[in-house]
Amino acid sequence: MVNSHPEWFKEALSIPKEQRSINVDDGNVHYQHWGDATKPGMVLVHGSGSHSHWWDFIAPLLLEDFQISAIDMSGMGDSDHREDYSAQLYAKEILSVAEDSGFFEISDPIICGHSMGGFMSAFAGTISDKELGGIIMIDSPIRPPTYDYSTHVRSGPIRRIKTYPTRDAILERFRLTPEQECENEFLVKYIAEWSIREVENGYQWKFDDTIFDKLGFSHMTKNQAFELKCNLGIIYGTESNMMTDEILNFMRENVPEGTPMLAIEKAAHHVLLDQPLDLAKAIKDITKKWV
């Protein structure tokens, strides 16, 4: 099976990286780090119910220009679960990873987040007391005040955690949220493998299924990205059901003048899986004007 994977993917996974962790507000936050510590830093932020391994095959493609840290936000991946979650907390975790990585000592770091991670990245940009190079939001829809929420497609995990008897049994149940087709099945299988943990009686998903009960969806309607003091970049999938014409027009009308809004063709909401090479190129195209 591994031999059927494309060469770029195998090469990306062969790049050395470190597993690190820090304490943020009495919780352990795990992150991964790649690259040359003398280069400018970028923090990569996953979406809801996801984890840092969504970036395993994209981070190495950015190492020519950056050193990279990819966070597991608390309640997801290999970071601790908490009694409470908030946008303020996630923003603090993101900035703490940038600080622990030494990014601020090199230059103004860039934060790049997918979906919910894009909102948390923007929130980090609003609370940071240090200069940032910019924020990139990937398929993170900022909805207008007139948006009809009866059409809203939830992007968060809504399933309750249950225990599956075998590894195969739980992996068979893996679904993207929101659900979509993905031609790169090998990437879906790869992130699925990193989405589970072994427990006493079998296997469970790693994410905390109470996150959205505690966090709510208030962060989805905030417009912090329009008021950032640093650069902003927008990337979206042309086939994403999250980025409707109504939402894209609203964003175009409200983002700061000169903000790049790059469309990734043949990509739905999960741009990282649909078009990872094009996504990496888009990130590089945006940031080359910032660094």
C-alpha atoms as a PDB file:
ATOM      1  CA  MET A   1       0.000   0.000   0.000  1.00  0.00           C
ATOM      2  CA  VAL A   2       2.763   2.477   0.897  1.00  0.00           C
ATOM      3  CA  ASN A   3       4.294   1.988  -2.563  1.00  0.00           C
ATOM      4  CA  SER A   4       1.083   3.374  -4.087  1.00  0.00           C
ATOM      5  CA  HIS A   5       1.605   6.690  -2.340  1.00  0.00           C
ATOM      6  CA  PRO A   6       3.014   9.518  -4.475  1.00  0.00           C
ATOM      7  CA  GLU A   7       6.692  10.339  -4.101  1.00  0.00           C
ATOM      8  CA  TRP A   8       6.059  13.856  -2.796  1.00  0.00           C
ATOM      9  CA  PHE A   9       4.019  12.398   0.085  1.00  0.00           C
ATOM     10  CA  LYS A  10       6.665   9.835   1.023  1.00  0.00           C
ATOM     11  CA  GLU A  11       9.367  12.501   0.838  1.00  0.00           C
ATOM     12  CA  ALA A  12       7.338  14.853   3.039  1.00  0.00           C
ATOM     13  CA  LEU A  13       6.883  12.213   5.730  1.00  0.00           C
ATOM     14  CA  SER A  14      10.614  11.433   5.659  1.00  0.00           C
ATOM     15  CA  ILE A  15      11.534  14.961   6.783  1.00  0.00           C
ATOM     16  CA  PRO A  16      12.683  14.960  10.446  1.00  0.00           C
ATOM     17  CA  LYS A  17      10.492  16.684  13.014  1.00  0.00           C
ATOM     18  CA  GLU A  18      10.235  16.995  16.783  1.00  0.00           C
ATOM     19  CA  GLN A  19       7.347  16.233  19.129  1.00  0.00           C
ATOM     20  CA  ARG A  20       7.069  18.957  21.772  1.00  0.00           C
ATOM     21  CA  SER A  21       4.695  19.963  24.551  1.00  0.00           C
ATOM     22  CA  ILE A  22       4.133  22.995  26.748  1.00  0.00           C
ATOM     23  CA  ASN A  23       1.875  23.873  29.670  1.00  0.00           C
ATOM     24  CA  VAL A  24      -0.773  26.489  28.979  1.00  0.00           C
ATOM     25  CA  ASP A  25      -3.231  27.365  31.751  1.00  0.00           C
ATOM     26  CA  ASP A  26      -2.571  24.067  33.565  1.00  0.00           C
ATOM     27  CA  GLY A  27      -3.093  21.986  30.439  1.00  0.00           C
ATOM     28  CA  ASN A  28      -0.587  20.093  28.307  1.00  0.00           C
ATOM     29  CA  VAL A  29      -0.505  21.346  24.716  1.00  0.00           C
ATOM     30  CA  HIS A  30       1.269  19.152  22.184  1.00  0.00           C
ATOM     31  CA  TYR A  31       2.815  20.424  18.981  1.00  0.00           C
ATOM     32  CA  GLN A  32       5.143  19.289  16.210  1.00  0.00           C
ATOM     33  CA  HIS A  33       8.122  21.227  14.877  1.00  0.00           C
ATOM     34  CA  TRP A  34       9.975  21.043  11.560  1.00  0.00           C
ATOM     35  CA  GLY A  35      12.832  22.966  10.056  1.00  0.00           C
ATOM     36  CA  ASP A  36      15.755  25.326  10.496  1.00  0.00           C
ATOM     37  CA  ALA A  37      15.533  27.357  13.722  1.00  0.00           C
ATOM     38  CA  THR A  38      17.121  30.367  12.020  1.00  0.00           C
ATOM     39  CA  LYS A  39      14.263  30.803   9.532  1.00  0.00           C
ATOM     40  CA  PRO A  40      11.053  32.797  10.081  1.00  0.00           C
ATOM     41  CA  GLY A  41       8.357  30.893  11.954  1.00  0.00           C
ATOM     42  CA  MET A  42       4.866  29.802  11.006  1.00  0.00           C
ATOM     43  CA  VAL A  43       2.274  28.156  13.270  1.00  0.00           C
ATOM     44  CA  LEU A  44      -0.189  25.829  11.519  1.00  0.00           C
ATOM     45  CA  VAL A  45      -3.592  25.395  13.170  1.00  0.00           C
ATOM     46  CA  HIS A  46      -5.987  22.510  12.425  1.00  0.00           C
ATOM     47  CA  GLY A  47      -9.767  22.594  12.215  1.00  0.00           C
ATOM     48  CA  SER A  48     -12.420  21.367  14.626  1.00  0.00           C
ATOM     49  CA  GLY A  49     -12.060  17.807  15.879  1.00  0.00           C
ATOM     50  CA  SER A  50      -8.782  17.483  13.981  1.00  0.00           C
ATOM     51  CA  HIS A  51      -5.094  17.500  14.939  1.00  0.00           C
ATOM     52  CA  SER A  52      -1.606  18.578  13.920  1.00  0.00           C
ATOM     53  CA  HIS A  53      -1.049  15.539  11.684  1.00  0.00           C
ATOM     54  CA  TRP A  54      -3.319  17.095   9.046  1.00  0.00           C
ATOM     55  CA  TRP A  55      -0.247  19.215   8.324  1.00  0.00           C
ATOM     56  CA  ASP A  56       2.319  16.379   8.219  1.00  0.00           C
ATOM     57  CA  PHE A  57       2.422  16.316   4.435  1.00  0.00           C
ATOM     58  CA  ILE A  58       2.095  20.095   3.946  1.00  0.00           C
ATOM     59  CA  ALA A  59       4.510  21.533   6.528  1.00  0.00           C
ATOM     60  CA  PRO A  60       7.570  19.977   4.818  1.00  0.00           C
ATOM     61  CA  LEU A  61       6.595  21.730   1.577  1.00  0.00           C
ATOM     62  CA  LEU A  62       7.033  25.108   3.312  1.00  0.00           C
ATOM     63  CA  LEU A  63      10.462  24.535   4.847  1.00  0.00           C
ATOM     64  CA  GLU A  64      12.399  26.343   2.140  1.00  0.00           C
ATOM     65  CA  ASP A  65      11.113  29.617   3.596  1.00  0.00           C
ATOM     66  CA  PHE A  66       9.981  28.780   7.137  1.00  0.00           C
ATOM     67  CA  GLN A  67      10.406  26.717  10.235  1.00  0.00           C
ATOM     68  CA  ILE A  68       7.029  25.268  11.132  1.00  0.00           C
ATOM     69  CA  SER A  69       5.149  24.357  14.298  1.00  0.00           C
ATOM     70  CA  ALA A  70       1.766  22.596  14.061  1.00  0.00           C
ATOM     71  CA  ILE A  71      -0.366  22.670  17.196  1.00  0.00           C
ATOM     72  CA  ASP A  72      -2.843  20.221  18.703  1.00  0.00           C
ATOM     73  CA  MET A  73      -5.342  22.616  20.272  1.00  0.00           C
ATOM     74  CA  SER A  74      -6.568  21.383  23.640  1.00  0.00           C
ATOM     75  CA  GLY A  75      -9.335  18.824  23.505  1.00  0.00           C
ATOM     76  CA  MET A  76      -7.949  17.526  20.221  1.00  0.00           C
ATOM     77  CA  GLY A  77      -5.007  15.450  19.029  1.00  0.00           C
ATOM     78  CA  ASP A  78      -2.531  14.634  21.772  1.00  0.00           C
ATOM     79  CA  SER A  79      -3.255  17.695  23.913  1.00  0.00           C
ATOM     80  CA  ASP A  80      -5.170  17.544  27.186  1.00  0.00           C
ATOM     81  CA  HIS A  81      -8.944  17.700  27.417  1.00  0.00           C
ATOM     82  CA  ARG A  82     -10.279  20.562  29.565  1.00  0.00           C
ATOM     83  CA  GLU A  83     -13.296  21.450  31.634  1.00  0.00           C
ATOM     84  CA  ASP A  84     -13.828  24.585  29.535  1.00  0.00           C
ATOM     85  CA  TYR A  85     -12.781  25.888  26.122  1.00  0.00           C
ATOM     86  CA  SER A  86     -12.836  29.369  24.635  1.00  0.00           C
ATOM     87  CA  ALA A  87     -11.518  31.322  21.678  1.00  0.00           C
ATOM     88  CA  GLN A  88      -9.359  33.250  24.155  1.00  0.00           C
ATOM     89  CA  LEU A  89      -7.818  29.994  25.387  1.00  0.00           C
ATOM     90  CA  TYR A  90      -7.112  28.652  21.902  1.00  0.00           C
ATOM     91  CA  ALA A  91      -5.560  31.955  20.858  1.00  0.00           C
ATOM     92  CA  LYS A  92      -3.332  31.839  23.923  1.00  0.00           C
ATOM     93  CA  GLU A  93      -2.284  28.275  23.080  1.00  0.00           C
ATOM     94  CA  ILE A  94      -1.382  29.265  19.521  1.00  0.00           C
ATOM     95  CA  LEU A  95       0.685  32.243  20.648  1.00  0.00           C
ATOM     96  CA  SER A  96       2.332  30.119  23.346  1.00  0.00           C
ATOM     97  CA  VAL A  97       3.454  27.619  20.713  1.00  0.00           C
ATOM     98  CA  ALA A  98       4.921  30.473  18.661  1.00  0.00           C
ATOM     99  CA  GLU A  99       6.713  31.731  21.760  1.00  0.00           C
ATOM    100  CA  ASP A 100       7.992  28.302  22.801  1.00  0.00           C
ATOM    101  CA  SER A 101       9.222  27.687  19.250  1.00  0.00           C
ATOM    102  CA  GLY A 102      11.351  30.821  19.445  1.00  0.00           C
ATOM    103  CA  PHE A 103       9.574  32.393  16.498  1.00  0.00           C
ATOM    104  CA  PHE A 104       9.339  35.902  17.963  1.00  0.00           C
ATOM    105  CA  GLU A 105      13.119  35.949  18.412  1.00  0.00           C
ATOM    106  CA  ILE A 106      13.630  35.550  14.654  1.00  0.00           C
ATOM    107  CA  SER A 107      10.938  37.704  13.065  1.00  0.00           C
ATOM    108  CA  ASP A 108       7.210  38.397  13.227  1.00  0.00           C
ATOM    109  CA  PRO A 109       5.638  34.909  12.915  1.00  0.00           C
ATOM    110  CA  ILE A 110       2.768  33.964  10.626  1.00  0.00           C
ATOM    111  CA  ILE A 111      -0.242  31.969  11.809  1.00  0.00           C
ATOM    112  CA  CYS A 112      -2.138  29.851   9.299  1.00  0.00           C
ATOM    113  CA  GLY A 113      -5.340  28.020  10.232  1.00  0.00           C
ATOM    114  CA  HIS A 114      -7.938  25.848   8.518  1.00  0.00           C
ATOM    115  CA  SER A 115     -11.671  26.190   9.186  1.00  0.00           C
ATOM    116  CA  MET A 116     -12.175  26.740  12.934  1.00  0.00           C
ATOM    117  CA  GLY A 117      -8.396  27.038  13.163  1.00  0.00           C
ATOM    118  CA  GLY A 118      -8.617  30.075  10.902  1.00  0.00           C
ATOM    119  CA  PHE A 119     -10.935  31.808  13.344  1.00  0.00           C
ATOM    120  CA  MET A 120      -8.696  30.914  16.274  1.00  0.00           C
ATOM    121  CA  SER A 121      -5.700  32.221  14.309  1.00  0.00           C
ATOM    122  CA  ALA A 122      -7.492  35.519  13.708  1.00  0.00           C
ATOM    123  CA  PHE A 123      -8.386  35.719  17.382  1.00  0.00           C
ATOM    124  CA  ALA A 124      -4.723  35.161  18.242  1.00  0.00           C
ATOM    125  CA  GLY A 125      -3.943  38.079  15.968  1.00  0.00           C
ATOM    126  CA  THR A 126      -6.309  40.340  17.889  1.00  0.00           C
ATOM    127  CA  ILE A 127      -4.974  39.507  21.369  1.00  0.00           C
ATOM    128  CA  SER A 128      -1.265  39.221  20.638  1.00  0.00           C
ATOM    129  CA  ASP A 129       0.857  41.836  22.406  1.00  0.00           C
ATOM    130  CA  LYS A 130       3.677  41.110  19.973  1.00  0.00           C
ATOM    131  CA  GLU A 131       3.868  41.844  16.269  1.00  0.00           C
ATOM    132  CA  LEU A 132       2.724  39.123  13.866  1.00  0.00           C
ATOM    133  CA  GLY A 133       3.712  38.813  10.227  1.00  0.00           C
ATOM    134  CA  GLY A 134       0.209  37.863   9.185  1.00  0.00           C
ATOM    135  CA  ILE A 135      -2.791  35.566   9.503  1.00  0.00           C
ATOM    136  CA  ILE A 136      -3.935  33.140   6.805  1.00  0.00           C
ATOM    137  CA  MET A 137      -7.457  31.724   7.017  1.00  0.00           C
ATOM    138  CA  ILE A 138      -8.204  28.616   4.955  1.00  0.00           C
ATOM    139  CA  ASP A 139     -11.865  27.996   4.162  1.00  0.00           C
ATOM    140  CA  SER A 140     -12.979  29.877   7.272  1.00  0.00           C
ATOM    141  CA  PRO A 141     -16.319  31.491   6.367  1.00  0.00           C
ATOM    142  CA  ILE A 142     -17.049  34.904   7.904  1.00  0.00           C
ATOM    143  CA  ARG A 143     -20.796  35.216   7.612  1.00  0.00           C
ATOM    144  CA  PRO A 144     -22.697  38.472   7.072  1.00  0.00           C
ATOM    145  CA  PRO A 145     -25.221  39.747   9.656  1.00  0.00           C
ATOM    146  CA  THR A 146     -28.028  38.812   7.257  1.00  0.00           C
ATOM    147  CA  TYR A 147     -26.859  35.193   6.940  1.00  0.00           C
ATOM    148  CA  ASP A 148     -29.649  32.608   7.152  1.00  0.00           C
ATOM    149  CA  TYR A 149     -28.386  30.126   9.742  1.00  0.00           C
ATOM    150  CA  SER A 150     -31.032  27.593   8.741  1.00  0.00           C
ATOM    151  CA  THR A 151     -28.667  26.832   5.838  1.00  0.00           C
ATOM    152  CA  HIS A 152     -25.625  26.561   8.113  1.00  0.00           C
ATOM    153  CA  VAL A 153     -23.409  23.509   7.580  1.00  0.00           C
ATOM    154  CA  ARG A 154     -21.800  22.498  10.857  1.00  0.00           C
ATOM    155  CA  SER A 155     -18.086  21.854  10.690  1.00  0.00           C
ATOM    156  CA  GLY A 156     -17.619  20.559  14.233  1.00  0.00           C
ATOM    157  CA  PRO A 157     -17.756  16.971  15.449  1.00  0.00           C
ATOM    158  CA  ILE A 158     -21.280  16.201  16.635  1.00  0.00           C
ATOM    159  CA  ARG A 159     -20.887  12.497  17.354  1.00  0.00           C
ATOM    160  CA  ARG A 160     -20.559  11.377  20.947  1.00  0.00           C
ATOM    161  CA  ILE A 161     -17.521   9.342  21.824  1.00  0.00           C
ATOM    162  CA  LYS A 162     -18.043   5.592  21.958  1.00  0.00           C
ATOM    163  CA  THR A 163     -15.590   2.748  22.307  1.00  0.00           C
ATOM    164  CA  TYR A 164     -14.968   0.489  19.317  1.00  0.00           C
ATOM    165  CA  PRO A 165     -13.692  -3.048  19.932  1.00  0.00           C
ATOM    166  CA  THR A 166     -10.938  -3.040  17.295  1.00  0.00           C
ATOM    167  CA  ARG A 167      -8.739  -0.633  15.376  1.00  0.00           C
ATOM    168  CA  ASP A 168     -10.342  -1.665  12.096  1.00  0.00           C
ATOM    169  CA  ALA A 169     -13.820  -1.113  13.513  1.00  0.00           C
ATOM    170  CA  ILE A 170     -13.168   2.505  14.448  1.00  0.00           C
ATOM    171  CA  LEU A 171     -11.230   3.329  11.292  1.00  0.00           C
ATOM    172  CA  GLU A 172     -14.154   2.078   9.211  1.00  0.00           C
ATOM    173  CA  ARG A 173     -16.300   4.729  10.931  1.00  0.00           C
ATOM    174  CA  PHE A 174     -13.995   7.648  10.155  1.00  0.00           C
ATOM    175  CA  ARG A 175     -15.786  10.450   8.313  1.00  0.00           C
ATOM    176  CA  LEU A 176     -14.774  13.942   7.321  1.00  0.00           C
ATOM    177  CA  THR A 177     -16.876  16.662   8.947  1.00  0.00           C
ATOM    178  CA  PRO A 178     -18.561  18.221   7.105  1.00  0.00           C
ATOM    179  CA  GLU A 179     -18.722  15.117   4.959  1.00  0.00           C
ATOM    180  CA  GLN A 180     -17.399  15.313   1.415  1.00  0.00           C
ATOM    181  CA  GLU A 181     -15.843  13.140  -1.233  1.00  0.00           C
ATOM    182  CA  CYS A 182     -12.045  13.152  -1.435  1.00  0.00           C
ATOM    183  CA  GLU A 183     -10.088  11.636  -4.295  1.00  0.00           C
ATOM    184  CA  ASN A 184      -6.925  11.428  -2.174  1.00  0.00           C
ATOM    185  CA  GLU A 185      -8.092   8.455  -0.153  1.00  0.00           C
ATOM    186  CA  PHE A 186      -4.561   7.780   1.066  1.00  0.00           C
ATOM    187  CA  LEU A 187      -4.566  11.157   2.852  1.00  0.00           C
ATOM    188  CA  VAL A 188      -7.931  10.477   4.480  1.00  0.00           C
ATOM    189  CA  LYS A 189      -6.641   7.121   5.715  1.00  0.00           C
ATOM    190  CA  TYR A 190      -3.475   8.778   6.984  1.00  0.00           C
ATOM    191  CA  ILE A 191      -5.268  11.368   9.132  1.00  0.00           C
ATOM    192  CA  ALA A 192      -7.729   8.728  10.335  1.00  0.00           C
ATOM    193  CA  GLU A 193      -4.854   6.676  11.772  1.00  0.00           C
ATOM    194  CA  TRP A 194      -3.777   9.697  13.833  1.00  0.00           C
ATOM    195  CA  SER A 195      -7.348  10.444  14.976  1.00  0.00           C
ATOM    196  CA  ILE A 196      -7.750   7.452  17.305  1.00  0.00           C
ATOM    197  CA  ARG A 197      -6.343   6.308  20.624  1.00  0.00           C
ATOM    198  CA  GLU A 198      -6.258   2.962  22.339  1.00  0.00           C
ATOM    199  CA  VAL A 199      -8.190   2.713  25.606  1.00  0.00           C
ATOM    200  CA  GLU A 200      -8.817  -0.092  28.070  1.00  0.00           C
ATOM    201  CA  ASN A 201     -11.648  -1.741  26.156  1.00  0.00           C
ATOM    202  CA  GLY A 202     -10.753  -0.837  22.591  1.00  0.00           C
ATOM    203  CA  TYR A 203     -10.353   2.391  20.624  1.00  0.00           C
ATOM    204  CA  GLN A 204     -11.825   5.905  20.758  1.00  0.00           C
ATOM    205  CA  TRP A 205     -11.551   9.155  18.822  1.00  0.00           C
ATOM    206  CA  LYS A 206      -9.027  11.537  20.341  1.00  0.00           C
ATOM    207  CA  PHE A 207     -11.200  14.647  20.284  1.00  0.00           C
ATOM    208  CA  ASP A 208     -13.252  15.773  23.269  1.00  0.00           C
ATOM    209  CA  ASP A 209     -16.890  15.458  22.212  1.00  0.00           C
ATOM    210  CA  THR A 210     -17.936  18.238  24.626  1.00  0.00           C
ATOM    211  CA  ILE A 211     -15.866  20.970  22.946  1.00  0.00           C
ATOM    212  CA  PHE A 212     -18.738  22.545  21.055  1.00  0.00           C
ATOM    213  CA  ASP A 213     -21.137  22.284  23.969  1.00  0.00           C
ATOM    214  CA  LYS A 214     -18.658  24.409  25.930  1.00  0.00           C
ATOM    215  CA  LEU A 215     -17.288  26.591  23.149  1.00  0.00           C
ATOM    216  CA  GLY A 216     -20.503  27.255  21.275  1.00  0.00           C
ATOM    217  CA  PHE A 217     -20.548  28.787  17.810  1.00  0.00           C
ATOM    218  CA  SER A 218     -20.139  32.423  18.794  1.00  0.00           C
ATOM    219  CA  HIS A 219     -16.642  32.369  17.309  1.00  0.00           C
ATOM    220  CA  MET A 220     -18.134  31.602  13.908  1.00  0.00           C
ATOM    221  CA  THR A 221     -19.870  34.999  13.690  1.00  0.00           C
ATOM    222  CA  LYS A 222     -16.992  37.193  14.887  1.00  0.00           C
ATOM    223  CA  ASN A 223     -15.361  39.547  12.440  1.00  0.00           C
ATOM    224  CA  GLN A 224     -11.970  39.947  14.125  1.00  0.00           C
ATOM    225  CA  ALA A 225     -10.228  39.216  10.848  1.00  0.00           C
ATOM    226  CA  PHE A 226     -11.478  42.501   9.409  1.00  0.00           C
ATOM    227  CA  GLU A 227      -9.760  44.482  12.177  1.00  0.00           C
ATOM    228  CA  LEU A 228      -6.343  42.824  12.379  1.00  0.00           C
ATOM    229  CA  LYS A 229      -3.292  45.035  12.738  1.00  0.00           C
ATOM    230  CA  CYS A 230      -1.203  42.541  10.772  1.00  0.00           C
ATOM    231  CA  ASN A 231      -1.472  41.179   7.229  1.00  0.00           C
ATOM    232  CA  LEU A 232      -4.388  38.932   6.298  1.00  0.00           C
ATOM    233  CA  GLY A 233      -4.657  36.284   3.600  1.00  0.00           C
ATOM    234  CA  ILE A 234      -7.679  34.194   2.593  1.00  0.00           C
ATOM    235  CA  ILE A 235      -7.589  30.799   0.856  1.00  0.00           C
ATOM    236  CA  TYR A 236     -10.698  28.812  -0.037  1.00  0.00           C
ATOM    237  CA  GLY A 237     -11.868  25.839  -2.043  1.00  0.00           C
ATOM    238  CA  THR A 238     -13.939  26.600  -5.126  1.00  0.00           C
ATOM    239  CA  GLU A 239     -16.158  23.598  -4.369  1.00  0.00           C
ATOM    240  CA  SER A 240     -16.512  24.282  -0.647  1.00  0.00           C
ATOM    241  CA  ASN A 241     -20.101  24.363   0.573  1.00  0.00           C
ATOM    242  CA  MET A 242     -18.899  26.568   3.445  1.00  0.00           C
ATOM    243  CA  MET A 243     -17.774  29.410   1.171  1.00  0.00           C
ATOM    244  CA  THR A 244     -20.888  30.471  -0.702  1.00  0.00           C
ATOM    245  CA  ASP A 245     -21.030  33.464  -3.037  1.00  0.00           C
ATOM    246  CA  GLU A 246     -22.880  35.385  -0.322  1.00  0.00           C
ATOM    247  CA  ILE A 247     -20.100  34.749   2.197  1.00  0.00           C
ATOM    248  CA  LEU A 248     -17.256  35.371  -0.256  1.00  0.00           C
ATOM    249  CA  ASN A 249     -18.794  38.673  -1.401  1.00  0.00           C
ATOM    250  CA  PHE A 250     -19.222  39.781   2.214  1.00  0.00           C
ATOM    251  CA  MET A 251     -15.615  38.919   2.975  1.00  0.00           C
ATOM    252  CA  ARG A 252     -14.305  40.696  -0.152  1.00  0.00           C
ATOM    253  CA  GLU A 253     -16.225  43.830   0.807  1.00  0.00           C
ATOM    254  CA  ASN A 254     -14.877  43.879   4.360  1.00  0.00           C
ATOM    255  CA  VAL A 255     -11.296  42.583   4.369  1.00  0.00           C
ATOM    256  CA  PRO A 256      -8.582  45.271   4.319  1.00  0.00           C
ATOM    257  CA  GLU A 257      -7.693  46.609   0.885  1.00  0.00           C
ATOM    258  CA  GLY A 258      -5.058  44.487  -0.795  1.00  0.00           C
ATOM    259  CA  THR A 259      -5.923  41.303   1.110  1.00  0.00           C
ATOM    260  CA  PRO A 260      -5.208  38.316  -1.157  1.00  0.00           C
ATOM    261  CA  MET A 261      -8.126  35.907  -1.581  1.00  0.00           C
ATOM    262  CA  LEU A 262      -6.861  32.841  -3.412  1.00  0.00           C
ATOM    263  CA  ALA A 263      -9.181  30.160  -4.773  1.00  0.00           C
ATOM    264  CA  ILE A 264      -8.025  26.537  -4.882  1.00  0.00           C
ATOM    265  CA  GLU A 265      -9.631  24.777  -7.814  1.00  0.00           C
ATOM    266  CA  LYS A 266     -11.152  21.310  -7.375  1.00  0.00           C
ATOM    267  CA  ALA A 267     -11.081  21.664  -3.591  1.00  0.00           C
ATOM    268  CA  ALA A 268     -14.004  21.434  -1.186  1.00  0.00           C
ATOM    269  CA  HIS A 269     -13.856  22.479   2.484  1.00  0.00           C
ATOM    270  CA  HIS A 270     -11.017  20.096   3.352  1.00  0.00           C
ATOM    271  CA  VAL A 271      -8.522  21.859   1.113  1.00  0.00           C
ATOM    272  CA  LEU A 272      -5.560  20.203   2.860  1.00  0.00           C
ATOM    273  CA  LEU A 273      -6.735  16.800   1.645  1.00  0.00           C
ATOM    274  CA  ASP A 274      -8.150  17.754  -1.739  1.00  0.00           C
ATOM    275  CA  GLN A 275      -5.265  19.848  -3.084  1.00  0.00           C
ATOM    276  CA  PRO A 276      -2.303  19.788  -0.665  1.00  0.00           C
ATOM    277  CA  LEU A 277       0.281  20.818  -3.273  1.00  0.00           C
ATOM    278  CA  ASP A 278      -1.795  23.741  -4.525  1.00  0.00           C
ATOM    279  CA  LEU A 279      -2.482  24.784  -0.938  1.00  0.00           C
ATOM    280  CA  ALA A 280       1.226  24.831  -0.092  1.00  0.00           C
ATOM    281  CA  LYS A 281       1.865  26.950  -3.202  1.00  0.00           C
ATOM    282  CA  ALA A 282      -0.910  29.378  -2.229  1.00  0.00           C
ATOM    283  CA  ILE A 283       0.537  29.777   1.273  1.00  0.00           C
ATOM    284  CA  LYS A 284       3.960  30.489  -0.227  1.00  0.00           C
ATOM    285  CA  ASP A 285       2.504  32.936  -2.766  1.00  0.00           C
ATOM    286  CA  ILE A 286       0.782  34.928  -0.006  1.00  0.00           C
ATOM    287  CA  THR A 287       3.652  34.933   2.460  1.00  0.00           C
ATOM    288  CA  LYS A 288       6.441  35.835   0.033  1.00  0.00           C
ATOM    289  CA  LYS A 289       5.059  39.391   0.132  1.00  0.00           C
ATOM    290  CA  TRP A 290       5.084  39.429   3.927  1.00  0.00           C
ATOM    291  CA  VAL A 291       8.487  38.026   4.887  1.00  0.00           C
END
